[in-house]
Amino acid sequence: IPGLVDGGWHVWQMRWQPDGFKFFRDGAQYFSVPNKPIHVHGGAPDDFRWPFNNPGYWMTPMFTLAVGGVGAGDPAAGTFPATMLVDYVRVW
Protein backbone atom coordinates (compact mmCIF):
# COMPACT_ATOMS: atom_id res chain seq x y z
CA ILE A 1 0.00 0.00 0.00
CA PRO A 2 1.78 3.16 -1.12
CA GLY A 3 2.64 5.63 1.61
CA LEU A 4 2.65 3.15 4.52
CA VAL A 5 6.43 2.95 4.84
CA ASP A 6 7.69 5.92 6.77
CA GLY A 7 10.46 4.74 9.08
CA GLY A 8 8.45 5.45 12.25
CA TRP A 9 7.48 3.12 15.08
CA HIS A 10 3.89 1.89 14.90
CA VAL A 11 1.54 -0.42 16.77
CA TRP A 12 0.04 -2.97 14.40
CA GLN A 13 -2.89 -5.14 15.38
CA MET A 14 -4.95 -7.90 13.81
CA ARG A 15 -8.29 -8.95 15.25
CA TRP A 16 -9.56 -12.40 14.35
CA GLN A 17 -13.33 -12.22 14.85
CA PRO A 18 -16.29 -14.36 13.72
CA ASP A 19 -17.17 -11.71 11.10
CA GLY A 20 -13.65 -11.70 9.59
CA PHE A 21 -10.21 -10.20 10.10
CA LYS A 22 -9.57 -6.55 10.91
CA PHE A 23 -6.15 -4.90 10.66
CA PHE A 24 -5.16 -1.71 12.51
CA ARG A 25 -2.20 0.66 12.52
CA ASP A 26 -1.83 2.90 15.57
CA GLY A 27 -5.45 2.23 16.56
CA ALA A 28 -7.02 3.11 13.19
CA GLN A 29 -8.51 0.36 11.06
CA TYR A 30 -6.96 0.34 7.59
CA PHE A 31 -7.93 -3.05 6.13
CA SER A 32 -10.44 -5.84 6.69
CA VAL A 33 -11.22 -9.27 5.27
CA PRO A 34 -14.91 -10.12 5.65
CA ASN A 35 -16.13 -13.58 6.60
CA LYS A 36 -16.99 -15.03 3.21
CA PRO A 37 -16.68 -18.51 1.71
CA ILE A 38 -13.28 -19.20 0.11
CA HIS A 39 -11.89 -22.22 -1.67
CA VAL A 40 -10.17 -24.43 0.88
CA HIS A 41 -6.71 -25.62 -0.22
CA GLY A 42 -6.76 -29.33 -1.00
CA GLY A 43 -10.55 -29.46 -1.03
CA ALA A 44 -12.88 -30.39 -3.83
CA PRO A 45 -13.34 -27.78 -6.59
CA ASP A 46 -16.72 -26.82 -5.09
CA ASP A 47 -15.46 -26.75 -1.45
CA PHE A 48 -16.03 -23.12 -0.49
CA ARG A 49 -16.28 -22.19 3.20
CA TRP A 50 -14.89 -19.84 5.85
CA PRO A 51 -12.56 -22.27 7.69
CA PHE A 52 -11.14 -19.79 10.20
CA ASN A 53 -13.97 -20.11 12.76
CA ASN A 54 -13.67 -23.90 13.07
CA PRO A 55 -12.61 -25.04 16.58
CA GLY A 56 -8.96 -25.98 16.60
CA TYR A 57 -7.99 -23.80 13.62
CA TRP A 58 -4.72 -22.01 14.32
CA MET A 59 -2.63 -19.39 12.61
CA THR A 60 1.03 -18.44 12.92
CA PRO A 61 2.29 -14.84 12.88
CA MET A 62 4.69 -14.15 10.02
CA PHE A 63 6.74 -11.02 9.46
CA THR A 64 8.16 -10.29 6.03
CA LEU A 65 10.28 -7.52 4.60
CA ALA A 66 8.99 -7.05 1.06
CA VAL A 67 11.73 -5.11 -0.70
CA GLY A 68 10.09 -5.35 -4.13
CA GLY A 69 7.05 -3.27 -3.33
CA VAL A 70 3.35 -4.06 -3.37
CA GLY A 71 2.14 -7.07 -5.34
CA ALA A 72 5.40 -9.04 -5.54
CA GLY A 73 7.26 -6.40 -7.50
CA ASP A 74 10.80 -6.72 -8.77
CA PRO A 75 13.25 -6.72 -5.80
CA ALA A 76 15.78 -4.91 -8.00
CA ALA A 77 13.60 -1.79 -7.60
CA GLY A 78 13.88 -2.00 -3.79
CA THR A 79 15.99 0.10 -1.47
CA PHE A 80 18.98 -1.71 0.01
CA PRO A 81 19.99 -2.42 2.64
CA ALA A 82 16.51 -2.90 4.09
CA THR A 83 15.70 -3.46 7.77
CA MET A 84 12.60 -4.34 9.76
CA LEU A 85 12.81 -3.86 13.52
CA VAL A 86 10.23 -5.53 15.77
CA ASP A 87 10.17 -4.39 19.39
CA TYR A 88 7.71 -7.01 20.69
CA VAL A 89 4.93 -9.38 19.66
CA ARG A 90 1.92 -10.15 21.84
CA VAL A 91 -0.52 -12.93 20.97
CA TRP A 92 -3.57 -13.88 23.00
PDB file of N, CA and C in Angstrom:
ATOM      1  N   ILE A   1       0.863  -1.172   0.000  1.00  0.00           N
ATOM      2  CA  ILE A   1       0.000   0.000   0.000  1.00  0.00           C
ATOM      3  C   ILE A   1       0.903   1.226   0.000  1.00  0.00           C
ATOM      4  N   PRO A   2       0.897   1.997  -1.043  1.00  0.00           N
ATOM      5  CA  PRO A   2       1.782   3.159  -1.123  1.00  0.00           C
ATOM      6  C   PRO A   2       1.587   4.111   0.051  1.00  0.00           C
ATOM      7  N   GLY A   3       2.697   4.651   0.549  1.00  0.00           N
ATOM      8  CA  GLY A   3       2.638   5.627   1.615  1.00  0.00           C
ATOM      9  C   GLY A   3       2.675   5.059   3.020  1.00  0.00           C
ATOM     10  N   LEU A   4       2.628   3.722   3.180  1.00  0.00           N
ATOM     11  CA  LEU A   4       2.648   3.151   4.520  1.00  0.00           C
ATOM     12  C   LEU A   4       4.045   3.115   5.118  1.00  0.00           C
ATOM     13  N   VAL A   5       5.071   3.036   4.325  1.00  0.00           N
ATOM     14  CA  VAL A   5       6.428   2.947   4.842  1.00  0.00           C
ATOM     15  C   VAL A   5       6.922   4.350   5.133  1.00  0.00           C
ATOM     16  N   ASP A   6       7.245   4.584   6.417  1.00  0.00           N
ATOM     17  CA  ASP A   6       7.687   5.923   6.772  1.00  0.00           C
ATOM     18  C   ASP A   6       8.841   5.940   7.755  1.00  0.00           C
ATOM     19  N   GLY A   7       9.320   4.790   8.183  1.00  0.00           N
ATOM     20  CA  GLY A   7      10.462   4.744   9.084  1.00  0.00           C
ATOM     21  C   GLY A   7      10.113   4.974  10.542  1.00  0.00           C
ATOM     22  N   GLY A   8       8.849   5.220  10.869  1.00  0.00           N
ATOM     23  CA  GLY A   8       8.454   5.448  12.252  1.00  0.00           C
ATOM     24  C   GLY A   8       8.085   4.154  12.956  1.00  0.00           C
ATOM     25  N   TRP A   9       7.940   4.247  14.278  1.00  0.00           N
ATOM     26  CA  TRP A   9       7.479   3.115  15.081  1.00  0.00           C
ATOM     27  C   TRP A   9       5.960   3.141  15.107  1.00  0.00           C
ATOM     28  N   HIS A  10       5.347   1.971  14.928  1.00  0.00           N
ATOM     29  CA  HIS A  10       3.894   1.886  14.899  1.00  0.00           C
ATOM     30  C   HIS A  10       3.425   0.672  15.684  1.00  0.00           C
ATOM     31  N   VAL A  11       2.185   0.729  16.125  1.00  0.00           N
ATOM     32  CA  VAL A  11       1.545  -0.415  16.769  1.00  0.00           C
ATOM     33  C   VAL A  11       0.588  -1.015  15.756  1.00  0.00           C
ATOM     34  N   TRP A  12       0.873  -2.253  15.364  1.00  0.00           N
ATOM     35  CA  TRP A  12       0.038  -2.973  14.400  1.00  0.00           C
ATOM     36  C   TRP A  12      -0.789  -3.994  15.161  1.00  0.00           C
ATOM     37  N   GLN A  13      -2.000  -4.215  14.703  1.00  0.00           N
ATOM     38  CA  GLN A  13      -2.888  -5.143  15.382  1.00  0.00           C
ATOM     39  C   GLN A  13      -3.750  -5.862  14.354  1.00  0.00           C
ATOM     40  N   MET A  14      -4.002  -7.141  14.622  1.00  0.00           N
ATOM     41  CA  MET A  14      -4.946  -7.898  13.812  1.00  0.00           C
ATOM     42  C   MET A  14      -5.961  -8.518  14.753  1.00  0.00           C
ATOM     43  N   ARG A  15      -7.225  -8.333  14.463  1.00  0.00           N
ATOM     44  CA  ARG A  15      -8.289  -8.950  15.252  1.00  0.00           C
ATOM     45  C   ARG A  15      -8.929 -10.047  14.420  1.00  0.00           C
ATOM     46  N   TRP A  16      -8.955 -11.234  14.988  1.00  0.00           N
ATOM     47  CA  TRP A  16      -9.559 -12.398  14.353  1.00  0.00           C
ATOM     48  C   TRP A  16     -10.918 -12.569  15.008  1.00  0.00           C
ATOM     49  N   GLN A  17     -11.990 -12.212  14.296  1.00  0.00           N
ATOM     50  CA  GLN A  17     -13.329 -12.225  14.849  1.00  0.00           C
ATOM     51  C   GLN A  17     -14.239 -13.091  13.986  1.00  0.00           C
ATOM     52  N   PRO A  18     -15.381 -13.525  14.506  1.00  0.00           N
ATOM     53  CA  PRO A  18     -16.286 -14.361  13.720  1.00  0.00           C
ATOM     54  C   PRO A  18     -16.713 -13.717  12.403  1.00  0.00           C
ATOM     55  N   ASP A  19     -16.741 -12.373  12.335  1.00  0.00           N
ATOM     56  CA  ASP A  19     -17.172 -11.714  11.099  1.00  0.00           C
ATOM     57  C   ASP A  19     -16.014 -11.418  10.149  1.00  0.00           C
ATOM     58  N   GLY A  20     -14.795 -11.865  10.481  1.00  0.00           N
ATOM     59  CA  GLY A  20     -13.650 -11.697   9.585  1.00  0.00           C
ATOM     60  C   GLY A  20     -12.421 -11.194  10.314  1.00  0.00           C
ATOM     61  N   PHE A  21     -11.450 -10.722   9.555  1.00  0.00           N
ATOM     62  CA  PHE A  21     -10.207 -10.197  10.098  1.00  0.00           C
ATOM     63  C   PHE A  21     -10.201  -8.681   9.946  1.00  0.00           C
ATOM     64  N   LYS A  22      -9.706  -8.006  10.965  1.00  0.00           N
ATOM     65  CA  LYS A  22      -9.572  -6.548  10.909  1.00  0.00           C
ATOM     66  C   LYS A  22      -8.128  -6.201  11.259  1.00  0.00           C
ATOM     67  N   PHE A  23      -7.533  -5.308  10.476  1.00  0.00           N
ATOM     68  CA  PHE A  23      -6.147  -4.905  10.661  1.00  0.00           C
ATOM     69  C   PHE A  23      -6.099  -3.428  11.023  1.00  0.00           C
ATOM     70  N   PHE A  24      -5.255  -3.083  11.989  1.00  0.00           N
ATOM     71  CA  PHE A  24      -5.162  -1.714  12.507  1.00  0.00           C
ATOM     72  C   PHE A  24      -3.708  -1.263  12.517  1.00  0.00           C
ATOM     73  N   ARG A  25      -3.507   0.022  12.358  1.00  0.00           N
ATOM     74  CA  ARG A  25      -2.205   0.659  12.520  1.00  0.00           C
ATOM     75  C   ARG A  25      -2.407   1.850  13.451  1.00  0.00           C
ATOM     76  N   ASP A  26      -1.725   1.832  14.574  1.00  0.00           N
ATOM     77  CA  ASP A  26      -1.831   2.902  15.572  1.00  0.00           C
ATOM     78  C   ASP A  26      -3.278   3.170  15.967  1.00  0.00           C
ATOM     79  N   GLY A  27      -4.073   2.113  16.099  1.00  0.00           N
ATOM     80  CA  GLY A  27      -5.454   2.225  16.559  1.00  0.00           C
ATOM     81  C   GLY A  27      -6.488   2.495  15.491  1.00  0.00           C
ATOM     82  N   ALA A  28      -6.072   2.822  14.275  1.00  0.00           N
ATOM     83  CA  ALA A  28      -7.024   3.113  13.194  1.00  0.00           C
ATOM     84  C   ALA A  28      -7.120   1.918  12.244  1.00  0.00           C
ATOM     85  N   GLN A  29      -8.331   1.470  11.982  1.00  0.00           N
ATOM     86  CA  GLN A  29      -8.511   0.355  11.056  1.00  0.00           C
ATOM     87  C   GLN A  29      -8.152   0.800   9.649  1.00  0.00           C
ATOM     88  N   TYR A  30      -7.339  -0.018   8.954  1.00  0.00           N
ATOM     89  CA  TYR A  30      -6.964   0.345   7.587  1.00  0.00           C
ATOM     90  C   TYR A  30      -7.279  -0.756   6.591  1.00  0.00           C
ATOM     91  N   PHE A  31      -7.655  -1.955   7.056  1.00  0.00           N
ATOM     92  CA  PHE A  31      -7.932  -3.046   6.127  1.00  0.00           C
ATOM     93  C   PHE A  31      -8.788  -4.083   6.838  1.00  0.00           C
ATOM     94  N   SER A  32      -9.658  -4.746   6.107  1.00  0.00           N
ATOM     95  CA  SER A  32     -10.435  -5.843   6.692  1.00  0.00           C
ATOM     96  C   SER A  32     -10.685  -6.915   5.642  1.00  0.00           C
ATOM     97  N   VAL A  33     -10.870  -8.125   6.123  1.00  0.00           N
ATOM     98  CA  VAL A  33     -11.217  -9.266   5.272  1.00  0.00           C
ATOM     99  C   VAL A  33     -12.516  -9.826   5.831  1.00  0.00           C
ATOM    100  N   PRO A  34     -13.629  -9.655   5.113  1.00  0.00           N
ATOM    101  CA  PRO A  34     -14.908 -10.122   5.652  1.00  0.00           C
ATOM    102  C   PRO A  34     -15.011 -11.644   5.644  1.00  0.00           C
ATOM    103  N   ASN A  35     -15.841 -12.156   6.544  1.00  0.00           N
ATOM    104  CA  ASN A  35     -16.130 -13.581   6.604  1.00  0.00           C
ATOM    105  C   ASN A  35     -16.939 -13.939   5.364  1.00  0.00           C
ATOM    106  N   LYS A  36     -16.294 -14.606   4.422  1.00  0.00           N
ATOM    107  CA  LYS A  36     -16.989 -15.032   3.213  1.00  0.00           C
ATOM    108  C   LYS A  36     -16.408 -16.373   2.785  1.00  0.00           C
ATOM    109  N   PRO A  37     -17.183 -17.203   2.127  1.00  0.00           N
ATOM    110  CA  PRO A  37     -16.679 -18.507   1.708  1.00  0.00           C
ATOM    111  C   PRO A  37     -15.504 -18.374   0.734  1.00  0.00           C
ATOM    112  N   ILE A  38     -14.454 -19.147   0.988  1.00  0.00           N
ATOM    113  CA  ILE A  38     -13.284 -19.196   0.110  1.00  0.00           C
ATOM    114  C   ILE A  38     -13.005 -20.647  -0.237  1.00  0.00           C
ATOM    115  N   HIS A  39     -12.263 -20.857  -1.307  1.00  0.00           N
ATOM    116  CA  HIS A  39     -11.893 -22.217  -1.666  1.00  0.00           C
ATOM    117  C   HIS A  39     -10.839 -22.701  -0.688  1.00  0.00           C
ATOM    118  N   VAL A  40     -11.080 -23.867  -0.108  1.00  0.00           N
ATOM    119  CA  VAL A  40     -10.170 -24.432   0.880  1.00  0.00           C
ATOM    120  C   VAL A  40      -9.107 -25.246   0.170  1.00  0.00           C
ATOM    121  N   HIS A  41      -7.834 -24.932   0.422  1.00  0.00           N
ATOM    122  CA  HIS A  41      -6.708 -25.620  -0.221  1.00  0.00           C
ATOM    123  C   HIS A  41      -6.819 -27.128  -0.004  1.00  0.00           C
ATOM    124  N   GLY A  42      -6.693 -27.873  -1.064  1.00  0.00           N
ATOM    125  CA  GLY A  42      -6.763 -29.329  -0.996  1.00  0.00           C
ATOM    126  C   GLY A  42      -8.174 -29.877  -1.034  1.00  0.00           C
ATOM    127  N   GLY A  43      -9.161 -29.005  -1.009  1.00  0.00           N
ATOM    128  CA  GLY A  43     -10.546 -29.458  -1.027  1.00  0.00           C
ATOM    129  C   GLY A  43     -11.048 -29.675  -2.449  1.00  0.00           C
ATOM    130  N   ALA A  44     -12.244 -30.179  -2.527  1.00  0.00           N
ATOM    131  CA  ALA A  44     -12.877 -30.389  -3.828  1.00  0.00           C
ATOM    132  C   ALA A  44     -13.067 -29.040  -4.521  1.00  0.00           C
ATOM    133  N   PRO A  45     -13.177 -29.042  -5.860  1.00  0.00           N
ATOM    134  CA  PRO A  45     -13.340 -27.779  -6.589  1.00  0.00           C
ATOM    135  C   PRO A  45     -14.521 -26.930  -6.108  1.00  0.00           C
ATOM    136  N   ASP A  46     -15.554 -27.580  -5.561  1.00  0.00           N
ATOM    137  CA  ASP A  46     -16.718 -26.824  -5.088  1.00  0.00           C
ATOM    138  C   ASP A  46     -16.714 -26.644  -3.565  1.00  0.00           C
ATOM    139  N   ASP A  47     -15.569 -26.868  -2.906  1.00  0.00           N
ATOM    140  CA  ASP A  47     -15.457 -26.749  -1.447  1.00  0.00           C
ATOM    141  C   ASP A  47     -15.135 -25.304  -1.075  1.00  0.00           C
ATOM    142  N   PHE A  48     -16.168 -24.519  -0.876  1.00  0.00           N
ATOM    143  CA  PHE A  48     -16.027 -23.117  -0.490  1.00  0.00           C
ATOM    144  C   PHE A  48     -16.619 -22.942   0.906  1.00  0.00           C
ATOM    145  N   ARG A  49     -15.815 -22.440   1.847  1.00  0.00           N
ATOM    146  CA  ARG A  49     -16.283 -22.191   3.203  1.00  0.00           C
ATOM    147  C   ARG A  49     -15.352 -21.198   3.879  1.00  0.00           C
ATOM    148  N   TRP A  50     -15.732 -20.721   5.035  1.00  0.00           N
ATOM    149  CA  TRP A  50     -14.890 -19.843   5.852  1.00  0.00           C
ATOM    150  C   TRP A  50     -14.301 -20.733   6.946  1.00  0.00           C
ATOM    151  N   PRO A  51     -13.096 -21.265   6.760  1.00  0.00           N
ATOM    152  CA  PRO A  51     -12.561 -22.269   7.690  1.00  0.00           C
ATOM    153  C   PRO A  51     -12.029 -21.698   8.998  1.00  0.00           C
ATOM    154  N   PHE A  52     -11.867 -20.388   9.085  1.00  0.00           N
ATOM    155  CA  PHE A  52     -11.145 -19.794  10.204  1.00  0.00           C
ATOM    156  C   PHE A  52     -11.904 -19.808  11.526  1.00  0.00           C
ATOM    157  N   ASN A  53     -13.209 -20.063  11.525  1.00  0.00           N
ATOM    158  CA  ASN A  53     -13.975 -20.112  12.764  1.00  0.00           C
ATOM    159  C   ASN A  53     -14.139 -21.530  13.286  1.00  0.00           C
ATOM    160  N   ASN A  54     -13.560 -22.521  12.613  1.00  0.00           N
ATOM    161  CA  ASN A  54     -13.666 -23.898  13.069  1.00  0.00           C
ATOM    162  C   ASN A  54     -12.849 -24.079  14.341  1.00  0.00           C
ATOM    163  N   PRO A  55     -13.398 -24.777  15.356  1.00  0.00           N
ATOM    164  CA  PRO A  55     -12.615 -25.037  16.575  1.00  0.00           C
ATOM    165  C   PRO A  55     -11.310 -25.758  16.225  1.00  0.00           C
ATOM    166  N   GLY A  56     -10.246 -25.340  16.837  1.00  0.00           N
ATOM    167  CA  GLY A  56      -8.960 -25.975  16.599  1.00  0.00           C
ATOM    168  C   GLY A  56      -8.157 -25.364  15.470  1.00  0.00           C
ATOM    169  N   TYR A  57      -8.741 -24.450  14.697  1.00  0.00           N
ATOM    170  CA  TYR A  57      -7.986 -23.801  13.619  1.00  0.00           C
ATOM    171  C   TYR A  57      -6.973 -22.860  14.247  1.00  0.00           C
ATOM    172  N   TRP A  58      -5.749 -22.881  13.762  1.00  0.00           N
ATOM    173  CA  TRP A  58      -4.721 -22.005  14.317  1.00  0.00           C
ATOM    174  C   TRP A  58      -3.978 -21.296  13.202  1.00  0.00           C
ATOM    175  N   MET A  59      -3.408 -20.176  13.563  1.00  0.00           N
ATOM    176  CA  MET A  59      -2.628 -19.392  12.605  1.00  0.00           C
ATOM    177  C   MET A  59      -1.300 -19.043  13.255  1.00  0.00           C
ATOM    178  N   THR A  60      -0.299 -18.779  12.440  1.00  0.00           N
ATOM    179  CA  THR A  60       1.032 -18.438  12.922  1.00  0.00           C
ATOM    180  C   THR A  60       1.402 -17.044  12.430  1.00  0.00           C
ATOM    181  N   PRO A  61       1.842 -16.163  13.341  1.00  0.00           N
ATOM    182  CA  PRO A  61       2.286 -14.838  12.885  1.00  0.00           C
ATOM    183  C   PRO A  61       3.506 -14.966  11.979  1.00  0.00           C
ATOM    184  N   MET A  62       3.554 -14.156  10.934  1.00  0.00           N
ATOM    185  CA  MET A  62       4.690 -14.152  10.020  1.00  0.00           C
ATOM    186  C   MET A  62       5.018 -12.698   9.693  1.00  0.00           C
ATOM    187  N   PHE A  63       6.290 -12.377   9.757  1.00  0.00           N
ATOM    188  CA  PHE A  63       6.745 -11.023   9.457  1.00  0.00           C
ATOM    189  C   PHE A  63       7.643 -11.088   8.234  1.00  0.00           C
ATOM    190  N   THR A  64       7.362 -10.280   7.248  1.00  0.00           N
ATOM    191  CA  THR A  64       8.162 -10.286   6.028  1.00  0.00           C
ATOM    192  C   THR A  64       8.615  -8.874   5.692  1.00  0.00           C
ATOM    193  N   LEU A  65       9.755  -8.799   5.067  1.00  0.00           N
ATOM    194  CA  LEU A  65      10.283  -7.525   4.604  1.00  0.00           C
ATOM    195  C   LEU A  65      10.253  -7.568   3.080  1.00  0.00           C
ATOM    196  N   ALA A  66       9.191  -7.011   2.507  1.00  0.00           N
ATOM    197  CA  ALA A  66       8.989  -7.050   1.063  1.00  0.00           C
ATOM    198  C   ALA A  66       9.749  -5.891   0.425  1.00  0.00           C
ATOM    199  N   VAL A  67      10.904  -6.169  -0.126  1.00  0.00           N
ATOM    200  CA  VAL A  67      11.725  -5.110  -0.703  1.00  0.00           C
ATOM    201  C   VAL A  67      11.329  -4.767  -2.126  1.00  0.00           C
ATOM    202  N   GLY A  68      10.466  -5.586  -2.742  1.00  0.00           N
ATOM    203  CA  GLY A  68      10.090  -5.347  -4.131  1.00  0.00           C
ATOM    204  C   GLY A  68       8.842  -4.521  -4.303  1.00  0.00           C
ATOM    205  N   GLY A  69       8.243  -4.085  -3.220  1.00  0.00           N
ATOM    206  CA  GLY A  69       7.045  -3.274  -3.333  1.00  0.00           C
ATOM    207  C   GLY A  69       5.775  -4.093  -3.275  1.00  0.00           C
ATOM    208  N   VAL A  70       4.665  -3.436  -3.464  1.00  0.00           N
ATOM    209  CA  VAL A  70       3.347  -4.057  -3.372  1.00  0.00           C
ATOM    210  C   VAL A  70       3.126  -5.004  -4.551  1.00  0.00           C
ATOM    211  N   GLY A  71       2.507  -6.145  -4.270  1.00  0.00           N
ATOM    212  CA  GLY A  71       2.136  -7.068  -5.338  1.00  0.00           C
ATOM    213  C   GLY A  71       3.295  -7.855  -5.922  1.00  0.00           C
ATOM    214  N   ALA A  72       4.268  -8.218  -5.097  1.00  0.00           N
ATOM    215  CA  ALA A  72       5.399  -9.040  -5.537  1.00  0.00           C
ATOM    216  C   ALA A  72       6.160  -8.384  -6.682  1.00  0.00           C
ATOM    217  N   GLY A  73       6.506  -7.128  -6.483  1.00  0.00           N
ATOM    218  CA  GLY A  73       7.260  -6.397  -7.495  1.00  0.00           C
ATOM    219  C   GLY A  73       8.695  -6.893  -7.604  1.00  0.00           C
ATOM    220  N   ASP A  74       9.426  -6.345  -8.516  1.00  0.00           N
ATOM    221  CA  ASP A  74      10.804  -6.724  -8.771  1.00  0.00           C
ATOM    222  C   ASP A  74      11.685  -6.239  -7.625  1.00  0.00           C
ATOM    223  N   PRO A  75      12.393  -7.140  -6.905  1.00  0.00           N
ATOM    224  CA  PRO A  75      13.254  -6.718  -5.803  1.00  0.00           C
ATOM    225  C   PRO A  75      14.368  -5.764  -6.247  1.00  0.00           C
ATOM    226  N   ALA A  76      14.737  -5.800  -7.514  1.00  0.00           N
ATOM    227  CA  ALA A  76      15.781  -4.905  -8.000  1.00  0.00           C
ATOM    228  C   ALA A  76      15.380  -3.433  -7.842  1.00  0.00           C
ATOM    229  N   ALA A  77      14.076  -3.164  -7.758  1.00  0.00           N
ATOM    230  CA  ALA A  77      13.595  -1.792  -7.598  1.00  0.00           C
ATOM    231  C   ALA A  77      13.572  -1.370  -6.130  1.00  0.00           C
ATOM    232  N   GLY A  78      13.922  -2.285  -5.218  1.00  0.00           N
ATOM    233  CA  GLY A  78      13.876  -2.003  -3.792  1.00  0.00           C
ATOM    234  C   GLY A  78      15.021  -1.117  -3.335  1.00  0.00           C
ATOM    235  N   THR A  79      14.942  -0.693  -2.086  1.00  0.00           N
ATOM    236  CA  THR A  79      15.986   0.103  -1.469  1.00  0.00           C
ATOM    237  C   THR A  79      16.803  -0.808  -0.570  1.00  0.00           C
ATOM    238  N   PHE A  80      18.106  -0.840  -0.764  1.00  0.00           N
ATOM    239  CA  PHE A  80      18.982  -1.715   0.011  1.00  0.00           C
ATOM    240  C   PHE A  80      20.067  -0.906   0.695  1.00  0.00           C
ATOM    241  N   PRO A  81      20.530  -1.299   1.868  1.00  0.00           N
ATOM    242  CA  PRO A  81      19.988  -2.419   2.643  1.00  0.00           C
ATOM    243  C   PRO A  81      18.634  -2.068   3.237  1.00  0.00           C
ATOM    244  N   ALA A  82      17.843  -3.084   3.515  1.00  0.00           N
ATOM    245  CA  ALA A  82      16.512  -2.903   4.092  1.00  0.00           C
ATOM    246  C   ALA A  82      16.477  -3.558   5.468  1.00  0.00           C
ATOM    247  N   THR A  83      15.765  -2.951   6.404  1.00  0.00           N
ATOM    248  CA  THR A  83      15.704  -3.458   7.772  1.00  0.00           C
ATOM    249  C   THR A  83      14.278  -3.364   8.294  1.00  0.00           C
ATOM    250  N   MET A  84      13.861  -4.390   9.026  1.00  0.00           N
ATOM    251  CA  MET A  84      12.598  -4.340   9.756  1.00  0.00           C
ATOM    252  C   MET A  84      12.930  -4.618  11.216  1.00  0.00           C
ATOM    253  N   LEU A  85      12.580  -3.693  12.085  1.00  0.00           N
ATOM    254  CA  LEU A  85      12.811  -3.858  13.515  1.00  0.00           C
ATOM    255  C   LEU A  85      11.482  -4.136  14.200  1.00  0.00           C
ATOM    256  N   VAL A  86      11.432  -5.174  15.024  1.00  0.00           N
ATOM    257  CA  VAL A  86      10.230  -5.530  15.771  1.00  0.00           C
ATOM    258  C   VAL A  86      10.585  -5.449  17.250  1.00  0.00           C
ATOM    259  N   ASP A  87       9.897  -4.600  17.982  1.00  0.00           N
ATOM    260  CA  ASP A  87      10.168  -4.394  19.387  1.00  0.00           C
ATOM    261  C   ASP A  87       9.584  -5.529  20.224  1.00  0.00           C
ATOM    262  N   TYR A  88       8.327  -5.919  19.967  1.00  0.00           N
ATOM    263  CA  TYR A  88       7.711  -7.015  20.691  1.00  0.00           C
ATOM    264  C   TYR A  88       6.522  -7.540  19.901  1.00  0.00           C
ATOM    265  N   VAL A  89       6.106  -8.756  20.245  1.00  0.00           N
ATOM    266  CA  VAL A  89       4.926  -9.379  19.655  1.00  0.00           C
ATOM    267  C   VAL A  89       4.105  -9.933  20.808  1.00  0.00           C
ATOM    268  N   ARG A  90       2.819  -9.630  20.799  1.00  0.00           N
ATOM    269  CA  ARG A  90       1.923 -10.153  21.835  1.00  0.00           C
ATOM    270  C   ARG A  90       0.779 -10.888  21.136  1.00  0.00           C
ATOM    271  N   VAL A  91       0.551 -12.126  21.550  1.00  0.00           N
ATOM    272  CA  VAL A  91      -0.523 -12.932  20.969  1.00  0.00           C
ATOM    273  C   VAL A  91      -1.365 -13.460  22.124  1.00  0.00           C
ATOM    274  N   TRP A  92      -2.683 -13.289  22.004  1.00  0.00           N
ATOM    275  CA  TRP A  92      -3.567 -13.879  23.004  1.00  0.00           C
ATOM    276  C   TRP A  92      -4.863 -14.269  22.380  1.00  0.00           C
TER     277      TRP A  92
END
